[in-house]
């Protein structure tokens, strides 16, 4: 007991220290002003601040869901600059993100030391630090909820998992990268149909404050529909299939690409549905990582930061399968490079080369998933509903 208590104290002290150092790492990056800050975020924050903070959430501000605006509105009441307020929201989410990865890793090892190490790794991933502290993006928010989704599925809490996914969805449309993963679990009777009713419920609750403050209800219900047609470029510097197309590729190629991606995802679901295998923690994590990589790889119109959920899940995957260390290394390095290209105009690697790197990663994870499924005894852990 004394030895266990000593280890708990050591882990707690380390967590406190590493959290403080991680925040100190981010603070010097706060003055950096990205193009997105000048084009979007600065004006959104100013509109909220000049119109009464929470009282302004009923205005049509930006093209994000109002949930993110609620957080920014809260920041306007603090004695902070707009840049610091925007980035502080994202940096706080970094720690929540690291927390859920820590929980996922602890499930595998049963020892807090490994989870604590994973927590530290997440906080110092260059793609994570740059996304929140330099870029001011909010990808850590929706990805933290996706990590919570995976964790709750591993612990058998389907309602909590679907709720976490719904929370992710009401912050960013990119939560749908894991939608095939959840749909497979529904097909395999691991998640009941009625549990998915949580998603529209959470969506309705998320838009309610904005609607009550006067924002058009139809606009709130169709935020993602409006956003889906906003970007016409078939490739937006994410290293995927479409980086091989020229910059001015006709729009119909992108439309065909969406259906092509849908067909590939459907094929993967069919193959997995027909297989008989157990949903172990290892397979759940590998499935989640596979779709976090595969969906943005085969979809057109993807921004450079859309492997962010894959970055995070790949770290947990690397702890579960140390021999696959190259998966998180290659994924995070590719993500970091394209982020640096956007922020600092870094240009010493070809994005077409990186797309081949990511193809290798996708295939490697798919092959590992196949080998895990093949090794499992059929018929275990099925939930009868």
Protein backbone atom coordinates (compact mmCIF):
# COMPACT_ATOMS: atom_id res chain seq x y z
CA UNK A 1 0.00 0.00 0.00
CA UNK A 2 2.80 2.39 0.87
CA UNK A 3 4.56 1.65 -2.41
CA UNK A 4 1.35 2.18 -4.39
CA UNK A 5 0.69 5.47 -2.63
CA UNK A 6 4.23 6.62 -3.35
CA UNK A 7 3.82 5.85 -7.05
CA UNK A 8 0.50 7.69 -7.15
CA UNK A 9 2.12 10.75 -5.59
CA UNK A 10 4.99 10.59 -8.09
CA UNK A 11 2.58 10.36 -11.05
CA UNK A 12 0.48 13.23 -9.70
CA UNK A 13 3.53 15.46 -9.24
CA UNK A 14 4.71 14.60 -12.75
CA UNK A 15 1.27 15.39 -14.20
CA UNK A 16 1.23 18.78 -12.49
CA UNK A 17 4.74 19.62 -13.63
CA UNK A 18 4.24 18.45 -17.22
CA UNK A 19 0.95 20.33 -17.45
CA UNK A 20 2.64 23.54 -16.30
CA UNK A 21 5.56 23.12 -18.69
CA UNK A 22 3.19 22.34 -21.58
CA UNK A 23 1.33 25.58 -20.91
CA UNK A 24 4.60 27.50 -20.68
CA UNK A 25 5.54 26.03 -24.06
CA UNK A 26 2.35 27.42 -25.58
CA UNK A 27 2.36 30.94 -24.12
CA UNK A 28 5.30 32.28 -26.21
CA UNK A 29 3.36 31.29 -29.36
CA UNK A 30 0.28 33.32 -28.42
CA UNK A 31 1.42 36.51 -30.21
CA UNK A 32 1.66 34.69 -33.56
CA UNK A 33 -1.10 35.87 -35.89
CA UNK A 34 -2.21 33.38 -38.54
CA UNK A 35 -4.09 34.10 -41.74
CA UNK A 36 -7.19 32.49 -40.21
CA UNK A 37 -6.99 34.96 -37.34
CA UNK A 38 -6.98 37.91 -39.73
CA UNK A 39 -9.61 36.50 -42.07
CA UNK A 40 -12.07 35.00 -39.58
CA UNK A 41 -11.35 34.66 -35.88
CA UNK A 42 -10.50 38.28 -35.14
CA UNK A 43 -13.78 39.53 -36.60
CA UNK A 44 -15.83 36.85 -34.84
CA UNK A 45 -14.31 37.73 -31.48
CA UNK A 46 -14.77 41.45 -32.07
CA UNK A 47 -18.43 40.95 -32.99
CA UNK A 48 -19.04 38.99 -29.81
CA UNK A 49 -17.15 41.44 -27.63
CA UNK A 50 -18.78 44.58 -29.02
CA UNK A 51 -22.29 43.14 -28.80
CA UNK A 52 -22.34 41.94 -25.23
CA UNK A 53 -20.62 38.55 -25.20
CA UNK A 54 -23.29 35.89 -24.67
CA UNK A 55 -25.95 38.34 -25.82
CA UNK A 56 -24.35 38.22 -29.28
CA UNK A 57 -24.63 34.48 -29.85
CA UNK A 58 -27.94 35.12 -31.57
CA UNK A 59 -26.13 36.97 -34.34
CA UNK A 60 -25.05 35.24 -37.54
CA UNK A 61 -21.31 35.21 -36.86
CA UNK A 62 -18.91 33.02 -38.81
CA UNK A 63 -19.53 29.61 -40.33
CA UNK A 64 -18.94 27.43 -37.24
CA UNK A 65 -21.56 25.85 -35.03
CA UNK A 66 -22.64 28.22 -32.24
CA UNK A 67 -21.07 25.93 -29.62
CA UNK A 68 -17.64 27.33 -30.44
CA UNK A 69 -19.02 30.86 -30.30
CA UNK A 70 -20.35 30.19 -26.79
CA UNK A 71 -16.78 29.46 -25.67
CA UNK A 72 -15.40 32.57 -27.36
CA UNK A 73 -18.21 34.63 -25.86
CA UNK A 74 -17.14 33.45 -22.40
CA UNK A 75 -13.58 34.58 -23.10
CA UNK A 76 -14.74 38.13 -23.89
CA UNK A 77 -15.54 38.69 -20.21
CA UNK A 78 -11.93 38.07 -19.20
CA UNK A 79 -9.22 40.76 -19.27
CA UNK A 80 -7.50 39.14 -22.26
CA UNK A 81 -6.66 40.21 -25.78
CA UNK A 82 -8.73 38.65 -28.53
CA UNK A 83 -5.75 36.55 -29.65
CA UNK A 84 -5.11 35.24 -26.13
CA UNK A 85 -8.80 34.47 -25.59
CA UNK A 86 -9.09 32.51 -28.82
CA UNK A 87 -5.96 30.49 -28.16
CA UNK A 88 -6.67 29.87 -24.49
CA UNK A 89 -9.90 28.06 -25.40
CA UNK A 90 -7.99 25.70 -27.67
CA UNK A 91 -5.10 25.18 -25.23
CA UNK A 92 -7.47 24.18 -22.44
CA UNK A 93 -8.92 21.59 -24.81
CA UNK A 94 -5.40 20.22 -25.37
CA UNK A 95 -5.31 19.08 -21.75
CA UNK A 96 -8.74 17.46 -21.99
CA UNK A 97 -7.55 15.69 -25.12
CA UNK A 98 -4.44 14.41 -23.36
CA UNK A 99 -6.58 13.27 -20.41
CA UNK A 100 -8.71 10.94 -22.53
CA UNK A 101 -5.68 9.50 -24.33
CA UNK A 102 -4.22 8.81 -20.90
CA UNK A 103 -7.42 6.97 -19.94
CA UNK A 104 -7.30 4.89 -23.15
CA UNK A 105 -3.68 3.87 -22.58
CA UNK A 106 -4.29 3.03 -18.92
CA UNK A 107 -6.97 0.56 -19.96
CA UNK A 108 -4.33 -1.47 -21.77
CA UNK A 109 -1.54 -1.40 -19.20
CA UNK A 110 -3.36 -1.06 -15.90
CA UNK A 111 -0.47 1.09 -14.73
CA UNK A 112 -0.78 4.86 -14.57
CA UNK A 113 2.84 5.41 -15.58
CA UNK A 114 2.11 4.51 -19.22
CA UNK A 115 -0.99 6.67 -19.35
CA UNK A 116 0.92 9.55 -17.81
CA UNK A 117 3.60 9.17 -20.48
CA UNK A 118 0.91 9.22 -23.19
CA UNK A 119 -0.55 12.37 -21.61
CA UNK A 120 2.83 14.06 -21.87
CA UNK A 121 3.38 12.92 -25.46
CA UNK A 122 0.04 14.38 -26.58
CA UNK A 123 0.73 17.72 -24.94
CA UNK A 124 4.05 18.05 -26.75
CA UNK A 125 3.07 16.75 -30.17
CA UNK A 126 4.12 19.52 -32.58
CA UNK A 127 0.85 19.26 -34.52
CA UNK A 128 -1.10 19.75 -31.27
CA UNK A 129 1.01 22.65 -29.96
CA UNK A 130 0.95 24.49 -33.29
CA UNK A 131 -2.77 23.90 -33.87
CA UNK A 132 -3.85 25.57 -30.64
CA UNK A 133 -1.10 27.95 -29.59
CA UNK A 134 0.07 29.22 -32.99
CA UNK A 135 -2.84 28.68 -35.36
CA UNK A 136 -5.65 29.24 -32.86
CA UNK A 137 -7.72 26.40 -34.33
CA UNK A 138 -10.17 24.45 -32.18
CA UNK A 139 -9.45 20.93 -33.44
CA UNK A 140 -8.49 19.80 -29.94
CA UNK A 141 -12.08 20.35 -28.81
CA UNK A 142 -13.84 18.02 -31.20
CA UNK A 143 -10.96 15.52 -31.14
CA UNK A 144 -11.04 15.35 -27.33
CA UNK A 145 -14.68 14.31 -27.65
CA UNK A 146 -13.73 11.70 -30.28
CA UNK A 147 -11.06 10.32 -27.93
CA UNK A 148 -13.74 10.17 -25.23
CA UNK A 149 -15.96 8.27 -27.68
CA UNK A 150 -13.30 5.60 -28.16
CA UNK A 151 -12.63 5.39 -24.41
CA UNK A 152 -16.30 4.94 -23.52
CA UNK A 153 -16.71 2.26 -26.19
CA UNK A 154 -13.77 0.40 -24.69
CA UNK A 155 -15.42 0.54 -21.27
CA UNK A 156 -18.80 -0.61 -22.60
CA UNK A 157 -20.62 2.70 -22.06
CA UNK A 158 -22.45 3.04 -25.36
CA UNK A 159 -24.67 5.96 -24.30
CA UNK A 160 -21.67 7.94 -23.06
CA UNK A 161 -19.79 7.09 -26.27
CA UNK A 162 -22.59 8.31 -28.55
CA UNK A 163 -23.03 11.43 -26.40
CA UNK A 164 -19.31 12.17 -26.72
CA UNK A 165 -19.54 11.69 -30.49
CA UNK A 166 -22.53 14.05 -30.59
CA UNK A 167 -20.55 16.67 -28.65
CA UNK A 168 -17.73 16.30 -31.14
CA UNK A 169 -20.15 16.69 -34.04
CA UNK A 170 -21.65 19.93 -32.72
CA UNK A 171 -18.19 21.48 -32.71
CA UNK A 172 -16.82 20.26 -36.04
CA UNK A 173 -18.23 18.42 -39.04
CA UNK A 174 -14.95 16.45 -39.20
CA UNK A 175 -16.31 14.28 -36.39
CA UNK A 176 -17.91 12.29 -39.23
CA UNK A 177 -14.51 10.73 -39.93
CA UNK A 178 -15.45 8.28 -37.16
CA UNK A 179 -19.08 7.92 -38.26
CA UNK A 180 -18.33 4.70 -40.24
CA UNK A 181 -16.71 3.30 -37.09
CA UNK A 182 -19.89 3.87 -35.08
CA UNK A 183 -22.07 2.61 -37.93
CA UNK A 184 -20.08 -0.63 -38.02
CA UNK A 185 -20.66 -1.08 -34.30
CA UNK A 186 -24.38 -0.57 -34.92
CA UNK A 187 -24.33 -3.18 -37.70
CA UNK A 188 -22.48 -5.54 -35.38
CA UNK A 189 -25.07 -4.90 -32.65
CA UNK A 190 -22.63 -3.26 -30.30
CA UNK A 191 -24.63 -0.02 -30.27
CA UNK A 192 -28.44 0.00 -30.21
CA UNK A 193 -30.39 2.06 -32.72
CA UNK A 194 -32.22 4.02 -30.04
CA UNK A 195 -28.92 5.19 -28.58
CA UNK A 196 -28.29 7.24 -31.72
CA UNK A 197 -31.28 9.41 -30.76
CA UNK A 198 -28.79 11.15 -28.47
CA UNK A 199 -27.15 12.82 -31.50
CA UNK A 200 -30.12 14.95 -32.64
CA UNK A 201 -30.93 15.65 -28.98
CA UNK A 202 -27.44 17.04 -28.33
CA UNK A 203 -27.56 18.97 -31.61
CA UNK A 204 -30.88 20.55 -30.62
CA UNK A 205 -29.57 21.50 -27.18
CA UNK A 206 -26.42 22.97 -28.70
CA UNK A 207 -28.30 25.39 -30.96
CA UNK A 208 -31.01 26.26 -28.42
CA UNK A 209 -29.20 29.21 -26.73
CA UNK A 210 -28.43 30.81 -30.12
CA UNK A 211 -32.02 30.28 -31.28
CA UNK A 212 -33.41 31.80 -28.07
CA UNK A 213 -31.14 34.80 -28.59
CA UNK A 214 -32.67 35.38 -32.02
CA UNK A 215 -30.59 33.50 -34.56
CA UNK A 216 -32.52 32.01 -37.46
CA UNK A 217 -33.47 28.43 -36.61
CA UNK A 218 -33.20 27.15 -40.19
CA UNK A 219 -29.70 28.63 -40.45
CA UNK A 220 -28.72 26.82 -37.26
CA UNK A 221 -30.13 23.52 -38.51
CA UNK A 222 -28.29 23.78 -41.83
CA UNK A 223 -24.86 25.08 -40.73
CA UNK A 224 -23.08 22.01 -42.06
CA UNK A 225 -25.09 21.87 -45.27
CA UNK A 226 -24.07 25.45 -46.04
CA UNK A 227 -20.46 24.74 -45.11
CA UNK A 228 -20.19 21.59 -47.23
CA UNK A 229 -20.31 23.54 -50.49
CA UNK A 230 -18.06 26.40 -49.43
CA UNK A 231 -14.68 25.04 -50.58
CA UNK A 232 -14.29 24.12 -54.25
CA UNK A 233 -10.62 23.11 -54.42
CA UNK A 234 -10.33 19.34 -54.77
CA UNK A 235 -7.11 19.37 -52.73
CA UNK A 236 -6.37 21.78 -49.89
CA UNK A 237 -2.86 20.51 -49.10
CA UNK A 238 -3.82 17.46 -47.09
CA UNK A 239 -1.56 14.63 -48.31
CA UNK A 240 -4.21 12.31 -49.72
CA UNK A 241 -5.38 10.92 -53.07
CA UNK A 242 -6.27 14.33 -54.46
CA UNK A 243 -2.88 16.01 -54.08
CA UNK A 244 -2.08 14.48 -57.48
CA UNK A 245 -4.73 16.59 -59.21
CA UNK A 246 -3.85 20.06 -60.56
CA UNK A 247 -4.88 23.15 -58.60
CA UNK A 248 -7.70 24.15 -60.96
CA UNK A 249 -9.34 20.73 -61.20
CA UNK A 250 -12.99 21.03 -62.33
CA UNK A 251 -15.60 20.92 -59.59
CA UNK A 252 -17.22 17.78 -60.99
CA UNK A 253 -14.04 15.84 -60.14
CA UNK A 254 -14.59 16.72 -56.49
CA UNK A 255 -18.22 15.63 -56.69
CA UNK A 256 -17.19 12.31 -58.24
CA UNK A 257 -14.52 11.99 -55.54
CA UNK A 258 -17.12 12.25 -52.78
CA UNK A 259 -19.12 9.36 -54.27
CA UNK A 260 -15.90 7.41 -54.86
CA UNK A 261 -14.95 7.86 -51.20
CA UNK A 262 -18.44 6.81 -50.15
CA UNK A 263 -18.12 3.64 -52.20
CA UNK A 264 -14.77 2.75 -50.64
CA UNK A 265 -16.06 3.36 -47.12
CA UNK A 266 -19.13 1.23 -47.88
CA UNK A 267 -16.89 -1.56 -49.20
CA UNK A 268 -14.78 -1.47 -46.03
CA UNK A 269 -17.93 -1.63 -43.89
CA UNK A 270 -19.26 -4.58 -45.89
CA UNK A 271 -16.01 -6.54 -45.45
CA UNK A 272 -15.89 -5.81 -41.72
CA UNK A 273 -19.58 -6.56 -41.26
CA UNK A 274 -19.21 -9.98 -42.87
CA UNK A 275 -16.27 -10.85 -40.64
CA UNK A 276 -16.80 -12.62 -37.32
CA UNK A 277 -14.53 -11.17 -34.67
CA UNK A 278 -14.40 -9.92 -31.12
CA UNK A 279 -14.45 -6.21 -30.32
CA UNK A 280 -11.43 -6.14 -28.06
CA UNK A 281 -9.94 -2.83 -26.94
CA UNK A 282 -7.11 -3.35 -29.41
CA UNK A 283 -9.48 -3.84 -32.34
CA UNK A 284 -11.68 -0.90 -31.32
CA UNK A 285 -8.67 1.41 -31.22
CA UNK A 286 -7.31 0.12 -34.52
CA UNK A 287 -10.71 0.51 -36.19
CA UNK A 288 -11.02 4.09 -34.93
CA UNK A 289 -7.54 4.95 -36.17
CA UNK A 290 -8.17 3.27 -39.52
CA UNK A 291 -11.24 5.39 -40.24
CA UNK A 292 -9.58 8.56 -38.91
CA UNK A 293 -6.90 7.96 -41.56
CA UNK A 294 -8.91 6.35 -44.34
CA UNK A 295 -11.85 8.78 -44.60
CA UNK A 296 -9.81 11.99 -45.06
CA UNK A 297 -7.39 10.11 -47.31
CA UNK A 298 -10.10 9.20 -49.84
CA UNK A 299 -12.24 12.35 -49.55
CA UNK A 300 -11.64 15.49 -51.66
CA UNK A 301 -11.76 19.09 -50.33
CA UNK A 302 -9.74 18.19 -47.22
CA UNK A 303 -7.85 20.91 -45.33
CA UNK A 304 -4.26 20.33 -44.27
CA UNK A 305 -5.09 19.80 -40.59
CA UNK A 306 -7.70 17.06 -41.08
CA UNK A 307 -5.39 14.24 -39.95
CA UNK A 308 -5.50 15.77 -36.48
CA UNK A 309 -7.77 13.05 -35.01
CA UNK A 310 -5.49 10.43 -36.59
CA UNK A 311 -2.46 12.09 -34.96
CA UNK A 312 -4.05 11.66 -31.55
CA UNK A 313 -5.35 8.13 -32.00
CA UNK A 314 -2.04 7.04 -33.53
CA UNK A 315 -0.25 7.94 -30.29
CA UNK A 316 -2.54 5.66 -28.27
CA UNK A 317 -2.10 3.03 -31.00
CA UNK A 318 1.67 3.34 -30.65
CA UNK A 319 1.44 2.63 -26.92
CA UNK A 320 -0.79 -0.40 -27.53
CA UNK A 321 1.48 -1.72 -30.28
CA UNK A 322 5.06 -0.48 -29.74
CA UNK A 323 6.28 -2.41 -32.78
CA UNK A 324 4.08 -0.12 -34.91
CA UNK A 325 5.92 3.00 -33.69
CA UNK A 326 6.33 4.18 -37.28
CA UNK A 327 2.57 4.78 -37.59
CA UNK A 328 2.40 7.71 -35.12
CA UNK A 329 5.84 8.95 -36.21
CA UNK A 330 4.92 9.18 -39.91
CA UNK A 331 1.38 10.44 -39.27
CA UNK A 332 2.43 13.23 -36.91
CA UNK A 333 5.42 14.27 -39.02
CA UNK A 334 3.23 14.52 -42.12
CA UNK A 335 0.63 16.55 -40.25
CA UNK A 336 3.24 18.81 -38.73
CA UNK A 337 4.83 19.52 -42.09
CA UNK A 338 1.60 20.59 -43.78
CA UNK A 339 0.67 22.72 -40.75
CA UNK A 340 4.06 24.43 -40.96
CA UNK A 341 3.48 24.94 -44.67
CA UNK A 342 0.31 26.88 -43.87
CA UNK A 343 1.69 28.85 -40.93
CA UNK A 344 5.28 29.49 -41.94
CA UNK A 345 5.33 28.75 -45.71
CA UNK A 346 7.63 25.77 -45.17
CA UNK A 347 8.36 24.22 -48.56
CA UNK A 348 11.08 21.58 -48.74
CA UNK A 349 8.96 18.44 -49.21
CA UNK A 350 6.49 17.50 -51.91
CA UNK A 351 2.93 16.98 -50.69
CA UNK A 352 2.66 14.22 -53.31
CA UNK A 353 5.52 12.43 -51.55
CA UNK A 354 3.72 12.83 -48.23
CA UNK A 355 0.57 11.38 -49.77
CA UNK A 356 2.56 8.22 -50.56
CA UNK A 357 3.78 8.17 -46.97
CA UNK A 358 0.19 8.40 -45.73
CA UNK A 359 -0.91 5.71 -48.18
CA UNK A 360 1.71 3.45 -46.62
CA UNK A 361 0.36 4.29 -43.14
CA UNK A 362 -3.26 3.62 -44.15
CA UNK A 363 -2.32 0.27 -45.70
CA UNK A 364 -0.17 -0.67 -42.69
CA UNK A 365 -3.01 0.03 -40.23
CA UNK A 366 -5.52 -1.80 -42.48
CA UNK A 367 -3.23 -4.82 -42.71
CA UNK A 368 -2.70 -4.84 -38.94
CA UNK A 369 -6.47 -4.65 -38.43
CA UNK A 370 -6.92 -7.62 -40.76
CA UNK A 371 -4.31 -9.65 -38.88
CA UNK A 372 -5.96 -8.86 -35.53
CA UNK A 373 -9.37 -9.90 -36.83
CA UNK A 374 -7.96 -13.07 -38.32
CA UNK A 375 -6.35 -14.00 -35.01
CA UNK A 376 -9.54 -13.52 -32.99
CA UNK A 377 -11.85 -16.36 -32.08
CA UNK A 378 -15.25 -15.78 -33.74
CA UNK A 379 -18.42 -15.05 -31.88
CA UNK A 380 -17.14 -13.53 -28.63
CA UNK A 381 -18.34 -10.30 -27.03
CA UNK A 382 -21.46 -9.92 -29.16
CA UNK A 383 -24.16 -7.81 -27.51
CA UNK A 384 -27.70 -9.07 -28.10
CA UNK A 385 -30.16 -6.20 -28.41
